[in-house]
PDB file of all heavy atoms in Angstrom:
ATOM      1  N   PHE A   1      -4.053   2.230  19.383  1.00  0.00           N
ATOM      2  CA  PHE A   1      -4.520   1.086  18.607  1.00  0.00           C
ATOM      3  C   PHE A   1      -5.843   0.504  19.105  1.00  0.00           C
ATOM      4  O   PHE A   1      -6.485  -0.271  18.389  1.00  0.00           O
ATOM      5  CB  PHE A   1      -3.439  -0.001  18.590  1.00  0.00           C
ATOM      6  CG  PHE A   1      -2.173   0.444  17.915  1.00  0.00           C
ATOM      7  CD1 PHE A   1      -1.031   0.718  18.641  1.00  0.00           C
ATOM      8  CD2 PHE A   1      -2.132   0.602  16.540  1.00  0.00           C
ATOM      9  CE1 PHE A   1       0.144   1.133  18.025  1.00  0.00           C
ATOM     10  CE2 PHE A   1      -0.967   1.019  15.902  1.00  0.00           C
ATOM     11  CZ  PHE A   1       0.171   1.288  16.650  1.00  0.00           C
ATOM     12  N   LYS A   2      -6.212   0.842  20.331  1.00  0.00           N
ATOM     13  CA  LYS A   2      -7.493   0.391  20.911  1.00  0.00           C
ATOM     14  C   LYS A   2      -7.610  -1.132  20.941  1.00  0.00           C
ATOM     15  O   LYS A   2      -8.675  -1.698  20.690  1.00  0.00           O
ATOM     16  CB  LYS A   2      -8.680   0.982  20.121  1.00  0.00           C
ATOM     17  CG  LYS A   2      -8.630   2.485  19.910  1.00  0.00           C
ATOM     18  CD  LYS A   2      -8.812   3.254  21.199  1.00  0.00           C
ATOM     19  CE  LYS A   2      -9.109   4.734  20.954  1.00  0.00           C
ATOM     20  NZ  LYS A   2      -8.065   5.461  20.250  1.00  0.00           N
ATOM     21  N   ASN A   3      -6.506  -1.803  21.260  1.00  0.00           N
ATOM     22  CA  ASN A   3      -6.529  -3.259  21.396  1.00  0.00           C
ATOM     23  C   ASN A   3      -5.366  -3.682  22.285  1.00  0.00           C
ATOM     24  O   ASN A   3      -4.583  -2.849  22.732  1.00  0.00           O
ATOM     25  CB  ASN A   3      -6.463  -3.946  20.020  1.00  0.00           C
ATOM     26  CG  ASN A   3      -5.185  -3.627  19.253  1.00  0.00           C
ATOM     27  OD1 ASN A   3      -4.077  -3.750  19.776  1.00  0.00           O
ATOM     28  ND2 ASN A   3      -5.325  -3.212  17.995  1.00  0.00           N
ATOM     29  N   GLU A   4      -5.267  -4.976  22.533  1.00  0.00           N
ATOM     30  CA  GLU A   4      -4.189  -5.502  23.375  1.00  0.00           C
ATOM     31  C   GLU A   4      -3.214  -6.355  22.576  1.00  0.00           C
ATOM     32  O   GLU A   4      -2.518  -7.213  23.123  1.00  0.00           O
ATOM     33  CB  GLU A   4      -4.792  -6.327  24.530  1.00  0.00           C
ATOM     34  CG  GLU A   4      -5.519  -5.491  25.563  1.00  0.00           C
ATOM     35  CD  GLU A   4      -4.611  -4.453  26.217  1.00  0.00           C
ATOM     36  OE1 GLU A   4      -3.465  -4.815  26.562  1.00  0.00           O
ATOM     37  OE2 GLU A   4      -5.031  -3.299  26.361  1.00  0.00           O
ATOM     38  N   ASN A   5      -3.140  -6.127  21.274  1.00  0.00           N
ATOM     39  CA  ASN A   5      -2.270  -6.908  20.404  1.00  0.00           C
ATOM     40  C   ASN A   5      -0.796  -6.586  20.651  1.00  0.00           C
ATOM     41  O   ASN A   5      -0.466  -5.522  21.172  1.00  0.00           O
ATOM     42  CB  ASN A   5      -2.615  -6.646  18.939  1.00  0.00           C
ATOM     43  CG  ASN A   5      -3.989  -7.173  18.571  1.00  0.00           C
ATOM     44  OD1 ASN A   5      -4.517  -8.059  19.235  1.00  0.00           O
ATOM     45  ND2 ASN A   5      -4.578  -6.631  17.510  1.00  0.00           N
ATOM     46  N   PRO A   6       0.105  -7.483  20.268  1.00  0.00           N
ATOM     47  CA  PRO A   6       1.552  -7.238  20.433  1.00  0.00           C
ATOM     48  C   PRO A   6       1.993  -5.945  19.749  1.00  0.00           C
ATOM     49  O   PRO A   6       1.455  -5.568  18.706  1.00  0.00           O
ATOM     50  CB  PRO A   6       2.190  -8.463  19.768  1.00  0.00           C
ATOM     51  CG  PRO A   6       1.145  -9.533  19.870  1.00  0.00           C
ATOM     52  CD  PRO A   6      -0.168  -8.825  19.716  1.00  0.00           C
ATOM     53  N   LEU A   7       2.971  -5.287  20.362  1.00  0.00           N
ATOM     54  CA  LEU A   7       3.491  -4.019  19.847  1.00  0.00           C
ATOM     55  C   LEU A   7       4.878  -4.237  19.252  1.00  0.00           C
ATOM     56  O   LEU A   7       5.779  -4.746  19.919  1.00  0.00           O
ATOM     57  CB  LEU A   7       3.562  -2.993  20.979  1.00  0.00           C
ATOM     58  CG  LEU A   7       3.889  -1.558  20.609  1.00  0.00           C
ATOM     59  CD1 LEU A   7       2.799  -0.962  19.721  1.00  0.00           C
ATOM     60  CD2 LEU A   7       4.057  -0.707  21.870  1.00  0.00           C
ATOM     61  N   VAL A   8       5.048  -3.842  17.994  1.00  0.00           N
ATOM     62  CA  VAL A   8       6.295  -4.071  17.260  1.00  0.00           C
ATOM     63  C   VAL A   8       6.824  -2.738  16.731  1.00  0.00           C
ATOM     64  O   VAL A   8       6.066  -1.953  16.152  1.00  0.00           O
ATOM     65  CB  VAL A   8       6.069  -5.042  16.078  1.00  0.00           C
ATOM     66  CG1 VAL A   8       7.392  -5.352  15.386  1.00  0.00           C
ATOM     67  CG2 VAL A   8       5.397  -6.325  16.551  1.00  0.00           C
ATOM     68  N   LEU A   9       8.115  -2.480  16.910  1.00  0.00           N
ATOM     69  CA  LEU A   9       8.737  -1.238  16.451  1.00  0.00           C
ATOM     70  C   LEU A   9       9.649  -1.500  15.266  1.00  0.00           C
ATOM     71  O   LEU A   9      10.275  -2.556  15.177  1.00  0.00           O
ATOM     72  CB  LEU A   9       9.580  -0.603  17.567  1.00  0.00           C
ATOM     73  CG  LEU A   9       8.957  -0.464  18.954  1.00  0.00           C
ATOM     74  CD1 LEU A   9       9.952   0.226  19.891  1.00  0.00           C
ATOM     75  CD2 LEU A   9       7.637   0.288  18.901  1.00  0.00           C
ATOM     76  N   GLU A  10       9.725  -0.506  14.365  1.00  0.00           N
ATOM     77  CA  GLU A  10      10.788  -0.491  13.358  1.00  0.00           C
ATOM     78  C   GLU A  10      11.613   0.769  13.586  1.00  0.00           C
ATOM     79  O   GLU A  10      11.095   1.891  13.487  1.00  0.00           O
ATOM     80  CB  GLU A  10      10.246  -0.493  11.931  1.00  0.00           C
ATOM     81  CG  GLU A  10      11.389  -0.574  10.917  1.00  0.00           C
ATOM     82  CD  GLU A  10      11.009  -0.217   9.490  1.00  0.00           C
ATOM     83  OE1 GLU A  10       9.849   0.156   9.236  1.00  0.00           O
ATOM     84  OE2 GLU A  10      11.912  -0.296   8.622  1.00  0.00           O
ATOM     85  N   LEU A  11      12.885   0.593  13.892  1.00  0.00           N
ATOM     86  CA  LEU A  11      13.762   1.723  14.190  1.00  0.00           C
ATOM     87  C   LEU A  11      14.463   2.193  12.924  1.00  0.00           C
ATOM     88  O   LEU A  11      14.989   1.386  12.171  1.00  0.00           O
ATOM     89  CB  LEU A  11      14.798   1.317  15.236  1.00  0.00           C
ATOM     90  CG  LEU A  11      14.251   0.689  16.520  1.00  0.00           C
ATOM     91  CD1 LEU A  11      15.383   0.421  17.499  1.00  0.00           C
ATOM     92  CD2 LEU A  11      13.193   1.578  17.161  1.00  0.00           C
ATOM     93  N   GLY A  12      14.470   3.510  12.709  1.00  0.00           N
ATOM     94  CA  GLY A  12      15.045   4.048  11.488  1.00  0.00           C
ATOM     95  C   GLY A  12      14.220   3.601  10.295  1.00  0.00           C
ATOM     96  O   GLY A  12      14.758   3.025   9.341  1.00  0.00           O
ATOM     97  N   CYS A  13      12.929   3.862  10.336  1.00  0.00           N
ATOM     98  CA  CYS A  13      11.989   3.257   9.377  1.00  0.00           C
ATOM     99  C   CYS A  13      12.033   3.867   7.988  1.00  0.00           C
ATOM    100  O   CYS A  13      11.401   3.338   7.060  1.00  0.00           O
ATOM    101  CB  CYS A  13      10.565   3.330   9.927  1.00  0.00           C
ATOM    102  SG  CYS A  13       9.903   5.018  10.051  1.00  0.00           S
ATOM    103  N   GLY A  14      12.770   4.967   7.799  1.00  0.00           N
ATOM    104  CA  GLY A  14      12.885   5.548   6.454  1.00  0.00           C
ATOM    105  C   GLY A  14      11.535   5.906   5.869  1.00  0.00           C
ATOM    106  O   GLY A  14      10.751   6.622   6.477  1.00  0.00           O
ATOM    107  N   LYS A  15      11.246   5.385   4.690  1.00  0.00           N
ATOM    108  CA  LYS A  15       9.984   5.687   4.014  1.00  0.00           C
ATOM    109  C   LYS A  15       8.791   4.916   4.577  1.00  0.00           C
ATOM    110  O   LYS A  15       7.661   5.105   4.135  1.00  0.00           O
ATOM    111  CB  LYS A  15      10.119   5.399   2.510  1.00  0.00           C
ATOM    112  CG  LYS A  15      11.114   6.293   1.788  1.00  0.00           C
ATOM    113  CD  LYS A  15      11.271   5.856   0.330  1.00  0.00           C
ATOM    114  CE  LYS A  15      12.287   6.717  -0.410  1.00  0.00           C
ATOM    115  NZ  LYS A  15      11.798   8.076  -0.652  1.00  0.00           N
ATOM    116  N   GLY A  16       9.063   4.023   5.514  1.00  0.00           N
ATOM    117  CA  GLY A  16       7.979   3.317   6.185  1.00  0.00           C
ATOM    118  C   GLY A  16       7.477   2.074   5.486  1.00  0.00           C
ATOM    119  O   GLY A  16       6.474   1.482   5.901  1.00  0.00           O
ATOM    120  N   GLU A  17       8.186   1.625   4.441  1.00  0.00           N
ATOM    121  CA  GLU A  17       7.696   0.467   3.691  1.00  0.00           C
ATOM    122  C   GLU A  17       7.643  -0.794   4.554  1.00  0.00           C
ATOM    123  O   GLU A  17       6.710  -1.593   4.421  1.00  0.00           O
ATOM    124  CB  GLU A  17       8.584   0.167   2.473  1.00  0.00           C
ATOM    125  CG  GLU A  17       8.803   1.325   1.529  1.00  0.00           C
ATOM    126  CD  GLU A  17      10.195   1.895   1.683  1.00  0.00           C
ATOM    127  OE1 GLU A  17      10.633   2.063   2.838  1.00  0.00           O
ATOM    128  OE2 GLU A  17      10.842   2.144   0.656  1.00  0.00           O
ATOM    129  N   TYR A  18       8.632  -0.973   5.424  1.00  0.00           N
ATOM    130  CA  TYR A  18       8.646  -2.194   6.224  1.00  0.00           C
ATOM    131  C   TYR A  18       7.573  -2.152   7.301  1.00  0.00           C
ATOM    132  O   TYR A  18       6.902  -3.159   7.559  1.00  0.00           O
ATOM    133  CB  TYR A  18      10.028  -2.422   6.846  1.00  0.00           C
ATOM    134  CG  TYR A  18      10.519  -3.828   6.648  1.00  0.00           C
ATOM    135  CD1 TYR A  18      11.224  -4.175   5.502  1.00  0.00           C
ATOM    136  CD2 TYR A  18      10.243  -4.832   7.575  1.00  0.00           C
ATOM    137  CE1 TYR A  18      11.645  -5.480   5.287  1.00  0.00           C
ATOM    138  CE2 TYR A  18      10.664  -6.130   7.364  1.00  0.00           C
ATOM    139  CZ  TYR A  18      11.363  -6.450   6.218  1.00  0.00           C
ATOM    140  OH  TYR A  18      11.770  -7.739   5.999  1.00  0.00           O
ATOM    141  N   THR A  19       7.401  -1.004   7.913  1.00  0.00           N
ATOM    142  CA  THR A  19       6.347  -0.873   8.918  1.00  0.00           C
ATOM    143  C   THR A  19       4.986  -1.189   8.314  1.00  0.00           C
ATOM    144  O   THR A  19       4.201  -1.964   8.871  1.00  0.00           O
ATOM    145  CB  THR A  19       6.343   0.560   9.493  1.00  0.00           C
ATOM    146  OG1 THR A  19       7.588   0.810  10.156  1.00  0.00           O
ATOM    147  CG2 THR A  19       5.211   0.747  10.491  1.00  0.00           C
ATOM    148  N   VAL A  20       4.700  -0.606   7.164  1.00  0.00           N
ATOM    149  CA  VAL A  20       3.422  -0.837   6.486  1.00  0.00           C
ATOM    150  C   VAL A  20       3.321  -2.280   5.996  1.00  0.00           C
ATOM    151  O   VAL A  20       2.273  -2.927   6.141  1.00  0.00           O
ATOM    152  CB  VAL A  20       3.252   0.152   5.314  1.00  0.00           C
ATOM    153  CG1 VAL A  20       2.031  -0.209   4.472  1.00  0.00           C
ATOM    154  CG2 VAL A  20       3.112   1.581   5.847  1.00  0.00           C
ATOM    155  N   GLY A  21       4.405  -2.812   5.437  1.00  0.00           N
ATOM    156  CA  GLY A  21       4.398  -4.182   4.943  1.00  0.00           C
ATOM    157  C   GLY A  21       4.134  -5.195   6.047  1.00  0.00           C
ATOM    158  O   GLY A  21       3.351  -6.146   5.869  1.00  0.00           O
ATOM    159  N   LEU A  22       4.769  -5.006   7.197  1.00  0.00           N
ATOM    160  CA  LEU A  22       4.541  -5.892   8.327  1.00  0.00           C
ATOM    161  C   LEU A  22       3.114  -5.761   8.849  1.00  0.00           C
ATOM    162  O   LEU A  22       2.476  -6.762   9.212  1.00  0.00           O
ATOM    163  CB  LEU A  22       5.538  -5.588   9.448  1.00  0.00           C
ATOM    164  CG  LEU A  22       6.987  -6.020   9.222  1.00  0.00           C
ATOM    165  CD1 LEU A  22       7.899  -5.417  10.284  1.00  0.00           C
ATOM    166  CD2 LEU A  22       7.117  -7.552   9.237  1.00  0.00           C
ATOM    167  N   ALA A  23       2.616  -4.528   8.894  1.00  0.00           N
ATOM    168  CA  ALA A  23       1.247  -4.297   9.372  1.00  0.00           C
ATOM    169  C   ALA A  23       0.222  -4.985   8.484  1.00  0.00           C
ATOM    170  O   ALA A  23      -0.772  -5.552   8.965  1.00  0.00           O
ATOM    171  CB  ALA A  23       0.968  -2.797   9.443  1.00  0.00           C
ATOM    172  N   GLN A  24       0.452  -4.967   7.176  1.00  0.00           N
ATOM    173  CA  GLN A  24      -0.443  -5.661   6.253  1.00  0.00           C
ATOM    174  C   GLN A  24      -0.356  -7.170   6.435  1.00  0.00           C
ATOM    175  O   GLN A  24      -1.363  -7.876   6.355  1.00  0.00           O
ATOM    176  CB  GLN A  24      -0.091  -5.292   4.809  1.00  0.00           C
ATOM    177  CG  GLN A  24      -0.452  -3.864   4.429  1.00  0.00           C
ATOM    178  CD  GLN A  24       0.045  -3.499   3.053  1.00  0.00           C
ATOM    179  OE1 GLN A  24       1.209  -3.711   2.708  1.00  0.00           O
ATOM    180  NE2 GLN A  24      -0.830  -2.938   2.232  1.00  0.00           N
ATOM    181  N   ARG A  25       0.839  -7.643   6.684  1.00  0.00           N
ATOM    182  CA  ARG A  25       1.078  -9.087   6.789  1.00  0.00           C
ATOM    183  C   ARG A  25       0.559  -9.650   8.112  1.00  0.00           C
ATOM    184  O   ARG A  25       0.093 -10.794   8.177  1.00  0.00           O
ATOM    185  CB  ARG A  25       2.573  -9.372   6.644  1.00  0.00           C
ATOM    186  CG  ARG A  25       2.909 -10.844   6.548  1.00  0.00           C
ATOM    187  CD  ARG A  25       4.389 -11.037   6.282  1.00  0.00           C
ATOM    188  NE  ARG A  25       4.689 -12.442   6.087  1.00  0.00           N
ATOM    189  CZ  ARG A  25       4.582 -13.084   4.939  1.00  0.00           C
ATOM    190  NH1 ARG A  25       4.199 -12.424   3.862  1.00  0.00           N
ATOM    191  NH2 ARG A  25       4.864 -14.369   4.846  1.00  0.00           N
ATOM    192  N   TYR A  26       0.629  -8.834   9.170  1.00  0.00           N
ATOM    193  CA  TYR A  26       0.236  -9.299  10.501  1.00  0.00           C
ATOM    194  C   TYR A  26      -0.814  -8.350  11.093  1.00  0.00           C
ATOM    195  O   TYR A  26      -0.503  -7.492  11.928  1.00  0.00           O
ATOM    196  CB  TYR A  26       1.459  -9.369  11.420  1.00  0.00           C
ATOM    197  CG  TYR A  26       2.529 -10.306  10.925  1.00  0.00           C
ATOM    198  CD1 TYR A  26       3.697  -9.819  10.346  1.00  0.00           C
ATOM    199  CD2 TYR A  26       2.360 -11.690  11.031  1.00  0.00           C
ATOM    200  CE1 TYR A  26       4.680 -10.689   9.895  1.00  0.00           C
ATOM    201  CE2 TYR A  26       3.351 -12.562  10.577  1.00  0.00           C
ATOM    202  CZ  TYR A  26       4.497 -12.054  10.006  1.00  0.00           C
ATOM    203  OH  TYR A  26       5.473 -12.913   9.549  1.00  0.00           O
ATOM    204  N   PRO A  27      -2.075  -8.489  10.681  1.00  0.00           N
ATOM    205  CA  PRO A  27      -3.127  -7.582  11.154  1.00  0.00           C
ATOM    206  C   PRO A  27      -3.421  -7.692  12.650  1.00  0.00           C
ATOM    207  O   PRO A  27      -4.041  -6.796  13.227  1.00  0.00           O
ATOM    208  CB  PRO A  27      -4.357  -7.998  10.325  1.00  0.00           C
ATOM    209  CG  PRO A  27      -4.068  -9.409   9.899  1.00  0.00           C
ATOM    210  CD  PRO A  27      -2.587  -9.476   9.710  1.00  0.00           C
ATOM    211  N   ASN A  28      -2.941  -8.755  13.297  1.00  0.00           N
ATOM    212  CA  ASN A  28      -3.177  -8.933  14.729  1.00  0.00           C
ATOM    213  C   ASN A  28      -1.999  -8.458  15.577  1.00  0.00           C
ATOM    214  O   ASN A  28      -1.867  -8.837  16.743  1.00  0.00           O
ATOM    215  CB  ASN A  28      -3.490 -10.405  15.037  1.00  0.00           C
ATOM    216  CG  ASN A  28      -4.812 -10.841  14.421  1.00  0.00           C
ATOM    217  OD1 ASN A  28      -5.770 -10.068  14.379  1.00  0.00           O
ATOM    218  ND2 ASN A  28      -4.867 -12.068  13.934  1.00  0.00           N
ATOM    219  N   LYS A  29      -1.141  -7.625  14.972  1.00  0.00           N
ATOM    220  CA  LYS A  29      -0.066  -6.962  15.702  1.00  0.00           C
ATOM    221  C   LYS A  29      -0.126  -5.468  15.397  1.00  0.00           C
ATOM    222  O   LYS A  29      -0.633  -5.061  14.351  1.00  0.00           O
ATOM    223  CB  LYS A  29       1.309  -7.508  15.294  1.00  0.00           C
ATOM    224  CG  LYS A  29       1.559  -8.952  15.695  1.00  0.00           C
ATOM    225  CD  LYS A  29       2.984  -9.385  15.297  1.00  0.00           C
ATOM    226  CE  LYS A  29       3.264 -10.826  15.700  1.00  0.00           C
ATOM    227  NZ  LYS A  29       4.666 -11.228  15.361  1.00  0.00           N
ATOM    228  N   ASN A  30       0.399  -4.662  16.311  1.00  0.00           N
ATOM    229  CA  ASN A  30       0.472  -3.212  16.123  1.00  0.00           C
ATOM    230  C   ASN A  30       1.909  -2.824  15.787  1.00  0.00           C
ATOM    231  O   ASN A  30       2.846  -3.297  16.437  1.00  0.00           O
ATOM    232  CB  ASN A  30       0.050  -2.477  17.403  1.00  0.00           C
ATOM    233  CG  ASN A  30      -1.333  -2.885  17.869  1.00  0.00           C
ATOM    234  OD1 ASN A  30      -2.255  -2.994  17.071  1.00  0.00           O
ATOM    235  ND2 ASN A  30      -1.487  -3.111  19.169  1.00  0.00           N
ATOM    236  N   PHE A  31       2.074  -1.938  14.798  1.00  0.00           N
ATOM    237  CA  PHE A  31       3.419  -1.572  14.336  1.00  0.00           C
ATOM    238  C   PHE A  31       3.630  -0.061  14.413  1.00  0.00           C
ATOM    239  O   PHE A  31       2.753   0.718  14.037  1.00  0.00           O
ATOM    240  CB  PHE A  31       3.629  -2.056  12.898  1.00  0.00           C
ATOM    241  CG  PHE A  31       3.630  -3.553  12.780  1.00  0.00           C
ATOM    242  CD1 PHE A  31       2.443  -4.248  12.598  1.00  0.00           C
ATOM    243  CD2 PHE A  31       4.809  -4.272  12.897  1.00  0.00           C
ATOM    244  CE1 PHE A  31       2.429  -5.637  12.519  1.00  0.00           C
ATOM    245  CE2 PHE A  31       4.805  -5.662  12.823  1.00  0.00           C
ATOM    246  CZ  PHE A  31       3.616  -6.341  12.633  1.00  0.00           C
ATOM    247  N   ILE A  32       4.817   0.317  14.877  1.00  0.00           N
ATOM    248  CA  ILE A  32       5.184   1.733  14.963  1.00  0.00           C
ATOM    249  C   ILE A  32       6.541   1.932  14.304  1.00  0.00           C
ATOM    250  O   ILE A  32       7.535   1.326  14.723  1.00  0.00           O
ATOM    251  CB  ILE A  32       5.249   2.222  16.420  1.00  0.00           C
ATOM    252  CG1 ILE A  32       3.899   2.018  17.126  1.00  0.00           C
ATOM    253  CG2 ILE A  32       5.644   3.698  16.463  1.00  0.00           C
ATOM    254  CD1 ILE A  32       3.927   2.374  18.601  1.00  0.00           C
ATOM    255  N   GLY A  33       6.593   2.776  13.272  1.00  0.00           N
ATOM    256  CA  GLY A  33       7.850   3.140  12.639  1.00  0.00           C
ATOM    257  C   GLY A  33       8.414   4.378  13.310  1.00  0.00           C
ATOM    258  O   GLY A  33       7.684   5.328  13.588  1.00  0.00           O
ATOM    259  N   ILE A  34       9.712   4.366  13.575  1.00  0.00           N
ATOM    260  CA  ILE A  34      10.361   5.475  14.283  1.00  0.00           C
ATOM    261  C   ILE A  34      11.494   6.029  13.438  1.00  0.00           C
ATOM    262  O   ILE A  34      12.356   5.291  12.963  1.00  0.00           O
ATOM    263  CB  ILE A  34      10.917   5.007  15.643  1.00  0.00           C
ATOM    264  CG1 ILE A  34       9.785   4.412  16.496  1.00  0.00           C
ATOM    265  CG2 ILE A  34      11.599   6.158  16.373  1.00  0.00           C
ATOM    266  CD1 ILE A  34      10.269   3.825  17.800  1.00  0.00           C
ATOM    267  N   ASP A  35      11.474   7.338  13.224  1.00  0.00           N
ATOM    268  CA  ASP A  35      12.544   7.988  12.474  1.00  0.00           C
ATOM    269  C   ASP A  35      12.517   9.473  12.817  1.00  0.00           C
ATOM    270  O   ASP A  35      11.465  10.027  13.149  1.00  0.00           O
ATOM    271  CB  ASP A  35      12.354   7.801  10.965  1.00  0.00           C
ATOM    272  CG  ASP A  35      13.678   7.814  10.205  1.00  0.00           C
ATOM    273  OD1 ASP A  35      14.335   8.877  10.217  1.00  0.00           O
ATOM    274  OD2 ASP A  35      14.045   6.796   9.596  1.00  0.00           O
ATOM    275  N   ILE A  36      13.661  10.121  12.733  1.00  0.00           N
ATOM    276  CA  ILE A  36      13.722  11.557  12.983  1.00  0.00           C
ATOM    277  C   ILE A  36      13.358  12.348  11.741  1.00  0.00           C
ATOM    278  O   ILE A  36      13.044  13.535  11.818  1.00  0.00           O
ATOM    279  CB  ILE A  36      15.134  11.968  13.500  1.00  0.00           C
ATOM    280  CG1 ILE A  36      15.123  13.384  14.077  1.00  0.00           C
ATOM    281  CG2 ILE A  36      16.171  11.799  12.410  1.00  0.00           C
ATOM    282  CD1 ILE A  36      14.198  13.601  15.252  1.00  0.00           C
ATOM    283  N   LYS A  37      13.349  11.693  10.583  1.00  0.00           N
ATOM    284  CA  LYS A  37      13.084  12.384   9.324  1.00  0.00           C
ATOM    285  C   LYS A  37      11.628  12.171   8.897  1.00  0.00           C
ATOM    286  O   LYS A  37      11.294  11.216   8.206  1.00  0.00           O
ATOM    287  CB  LYS A  37      14.059  11.906   8.243  1.00  0.00           C
ATOM    288  CG  LYS A  37      15.508  12.262   8.591  1.00  0.00           C
ATOM    289  CD  LYS A  37      16.471  11.877   7.501  1.00  0.00           C
ATOM    290  CE  LYS A  37      17.899  12.303   7.876  1.00  0.00           C
ATOM    291  NZ  LYS A  37      18.881  11.946   6.847  1.00  0.00           N
ATOM    292  N   GLY A  38      10.786  13.104   9.330  1.00  0.00           N
ATOM    293  CA  GLY A  38       9.363  12.988   9.057  1.00  0.00           C
ATOM    294  C   GLY A  38       8.999  13.073   7.590  1.00  0.00           C
ATOM    295  O   GLY A  38       8.001  12.485   7.161  1.00  0.00           O
ATOM    296  N   ALA A  39       9.799  13.792   6.807  1.00  0.00           N
ATOM    297  CA  ALA A  39       9.501  13.900   5.371  1.00  0.00           C
ATOM    298  C   ALA A  39       9.670  12.563   4.671  1.00  0.00           C
ATOM    299  O   ALA A  39       9.086  12.345   3.604  1.00  0.00           O
ATOM    300  CB  ALA A  39      10.402  14.953   4.729  1.00  0.00           C
ATOM    301  N   ARG A  40      10.444  11.669   5.272  1.00  0.00           N
ATOM    302  CA  ARG A  40      10.605  10.334   4.695  1.00  0.00           C
ATOM    303  C   ARG A  40       9.422   9.436   5.045  1.00  0.00           C
ATOM    304  O   ARG A  40       8.799   8.848   4.168  1.00  0.00           O
ATOM    305  CB  ARG A  40      11.908   9.693   5.180  1.00  0.00           C
ATOM    306  CG  ARG A  40      13.147  10.247   4.512  1.00  0.00           C
ATOM    307  CD  ARG A  40      14.366   9.429   4.895  1.00  0.00           C
ATOM    308  NE  ARG A  40      15.595   9.965   4.307  1.00  0.00           N
ATOM    309  CZ  ARG A  40      16.809   9.495   4.558  1.00  0.00           C
ATOM    310  NH1 ARG A  40      16.952   8.467   5.385  1.00  0.00           N
ATOM    311  NH2 ARG A  40      17.869  10.024   3.998  1.00  0.00           N
ATOM    312  N   PHE A  41       9.108   9.320   6.346  1.00  0.00           N
ATOM    313  CA  PHE A  41       8.044   8.375   6.700  1.00  0.00           C
ATOM    314  C   PHE A  41       6.655   8.900   6.354  1.00  0.00           C
ATOM    315  O   PHE A  41       5.662   8.184   6.499  1.00  0.00           O
ATOM    316  CB  PHE A  41       8.129   7.910   8.156  1.00  0.00           C
ATOM    317  CG  PHE A  41       7.823   8.934   9.217  1.00  0.00           C
ATOM    318  CD1 PHE A  41       6.600   9.582   9.266  1.00  0.00           C
ATOM    319  CD2 PHE A  41       8.745   9.206  10.215  1.00  0.00           C
ATOM    320  CE1 PHE A  41       6.296  10.485  10.275  1.00  0.00           C
ATOM    321  CE2 PHE A  41       8.465  10.111  11.224  1.00  0.00           C
ATOM    322  CZ  PHE A  41       7.230  10.761  11.241  1.00  0.00           C
ATOM    323  N   TRP A  42       6.585  10.140   5.870  1.00  0.00           N
ATOM    324  CA  TRP A  42       5.318  10.677   5.357  1.00  0.00           C
ATOM    325  C   TRP A  42       4.689   9.693   4.374  1.00  0.00           C
ATOM    326  O   TRP A  42       3.474   9.488   4.389  1.00  0.00           O
ATOM    327  CB  TRP A  42       5.591  12.017   4.669  1.00  0.00           C
ATOM    328  CG  TRP A  42       4.505  12.483   3.745  1.00  0.00           C
ATOM    329  CD1 TRP A  42       3.408  13.240   4.068  1.00  0.00           C
ATOM    330  CD2 TRP A  42       4.398  12.232   2.335  1.00  0.00           C
ATOM    331  NE1 TRP A  42       2.630  13.464   2.960  1.00  0.00           N
ATOM    332  CE2 TRP A  42       3.214  12.860   1.886  1.00  0.00           C
ATOM    333  CE3 TRP A  42       5.188  11.538   1.414  1.00  0.00           C
ATOM    334  CZ2 TRP A  42       2.813  12.813   0.542  1.00  0.00           C
ATOM    335  CZ3 TRP A  42       4.788  11.489   0.092  1.00  0.00           C
ATOM    336  CH2 TRP A  42       3.612  12.119  -0.333  1.00  0.00           C
TER     337      TRP A  42
END
C-alpha cells in the first residue's frame, strides 16, 4: 500500500463487494479481502 494507514481484513470475502465498498468509503485505510476461492474475489 506504500503508506502507514490502518490495515483492515475481510475474512471469507466472497466476491469482494465488502472489501471494495469499505475501501471506497474509507480511503485512508487499507483493506485486504481473504478467501480460498479466487474465482469469486476475481
